């Protein structure tokens, strides 16, 4: 797994970036616990793995 931007993950999920950001609001506590700001454009591999498992995104 590698780092991905929110835009890349939204495209892989087949949703708009705005929708993907709304999804991330439900994971705000997890992101903060991982030291990730809500405004971060690039998400680290461990967060990408978590989001792919939660939202069934195939990369």
C-alpha atoms as a PDB file:
ATOM      1  CA  UNK A   1       0.000   0.000   0.000  1.00  0.00           C
ATOM      2  CA  UNK A   2       1.173   3.533  -0.693  1.00  0.00           C
ATOM      3  CA  UNK A   3       0.012   7.056   0.110  1.00  0.00           C
ATOM      4  CA  UNK A   4      -2.962   8.343  -1.852  1.00  0.00           C
ATOM      5  CA  UNK A   5      -4.668  11.700  -2.141  1.00  0.00           C
ATOM      6  CA  UNK A   6      -8.311  12.136  -1.248  1.00  0.00           C
ATOM      7  CA  UNK A   7      -9.023  12.770  -4.932  1.00  0.00           C
ATOM      8  CA  UNK A   8      -7.430   9.467  -5.969  1.00  0.00           C
ATOM      9  CA  UNK A   9      -9.378   7.548  -3.323  1.00  0.00           C
ATOM     10  CA  UNK A  10     -12.635   9.238  -4.316  1.00  0.00           C
ATOM     11  CA  UNK A  11     -12.049   8.255  -7.954  1.00  0.00           C
ATOM     12  CA  UNK A  12     -11.265   4.660  -6.932  1.00  0.00           C
ATOM     13  CA  UNK A  13     -14.477   4.568  -4.869  1.00  0.00           C
ATOM     14  CA  UNK A  14     -16.494   5.992  -7.762  1.00  0.00           C
ATOM     15  CA  UNK A  15     -17.762   9.014  -5.829  1.00  0.00           C
ATOM     16  CA  UNK A  16     -17.161  12.747  -5.963  1.00  0.00           C
ATOM     17  CA  UNK A  17     -14.501  14.346  -3.794  1.00  0.00           C
ATOM     18  CA  UNK A  18     -17.243  16.152  -1.855  1.00  0.00           C
ATOM     19  CA  UNK A  19     -18.946  12.843  -1.056  1.00  0.00           C
ATOM     20  CA  UNK A  20     -15.649  11.283  -0.026  1.00  0.00           C
ATOM     21  CA  UNK A  21     -14.996  14.203   2.334  1.00  0.00           C
ATOM     22  CA  UNK A  22     -18.430  13.669   3.894  1.00  0.00           C
ATOM     23  CA  UNK A  23     -17.508  10.017   4.428  1.00  0.00           C
ATOM     24  CA  UNK A  24     -14.288  11.098   6.139  1.00  0.00           C
ATOM     25  CA  UNK A  25     -16.237  13.239   8.621  1.00  0.00           C
ATOM     26  CA  UNK A  26     -17.518   9.999  10.161  1.00  0.00           C
ATOM     27  CA  UNK A  27     -13.883   8.918  10.625  1.00  0.00           C
ATOM     28  CA  UNK A  28     -12.668  12.209  12.063  1.00  0.00           C
ATOM     29  CA  UNK A  29     -11.833  10.713  15.472  1.00  0.00           C
ATOM     30  CA  UNK A  30      -9.760   7.953  13.839  1.00  0.00           C
ATOM     31  CA  UNK A  31      -7.910  10.445  11.617  1.00  0.00           C
ATOM     32  CA  UNK A  32      -7.072  12.644  14.609  1.00  0.00           C
ATOM     33  CA  UNK A  33      -5.853   9.630  16.568  1.00  0.00           C
ATOM     34  CA  UNK A  34      -3.489   8.899  13.670  1.00  0.00           C
ATOM     35  CA  UNK A  35      -2.236  12.497  13.618  1.00  0.00           C
ATOM     36  CA  UNK A  36      -3.964  13.347  10.336  1.00  0.00           C
ATOM     37  CA  UNK A  37      -5.534  16.774   9.866  1.00  0.00           C
ATOM     38  CA  UNK A  38      -8.933  16.956   8.160  1.00  0.00           C
ATOM     39  CA  UNK A  39      -7.375  19.257   5.569  1.00  0.00           C
ATOM     40  CA  UNK A  40      -4.563  16.819   4.667  1.00  0.00           C
ATOM     41  CA  UNK A  41      -4.435  16.166   0.940  1.00  0.00           C
ATOM     42  CA  UNK A  42      -2.222  13.083   1.124  1.00  0.00           C
ATOM     43  CA  UNK A  43      -3.183  10.152   3.324  1.00  0.00           C
ATOM     44  CA  UNK A  44      -0.502   7.744   4.594  1.00  0.00           C
ATOM     45  CA  UNK A  45      -0.597   4.023   3.739  1.00  0.00           C
ATOM     46  CA  UNK A  46      -2.032   2.802   7.058  1.00  0.00           C
ATOM     47  CA  UNK A  47      -4.947   5.245   6.786  1.00  0.00           C
ATOM     48  CA  UNK A  48      -5.502   4.304   3.132  1.00  0.00           C
ATOM     49  CA  UNK A  49      -5.652   0.626   4.124  1.00  0.00           C
ATOM     50  CA  UNK A  50      -8.224   1.395   6.850  1.00  0.00           C
ATOM     51  CA  UNK A  51     -10.402   3.447   4.483  1.00  0.00           C
ATOM     52  CA  UNK A  52     -10.203   0.838   1.713  1.00  0.00           C
ATOM     53  CA  UNK A  53     -11.363  -1.863   4.108  1.00  0.00           C
ATOM     54  CA  UNK A  54     -14.147   0.263   5.571  1.00  0.00           C
ATOM     55  CA  UNK A  55     -15.512   1.557   2.251  1.00  0.00           C
ATOM     56  CA  UNK A  56     -14.668  -1.496   0.107  1.00  0.00           C
ATOM     57  CA  UNK A  57     -12.371   0.407  -2.236  1.00  0.00           C
ATOM     58  CA  UNK A  58     -10.305  -1.756  -4.579  1.00  0.00           C
ATOM     59  CA  UNK A  59      -6.918  -0.285  -5.356  1.00  0.00           C
END
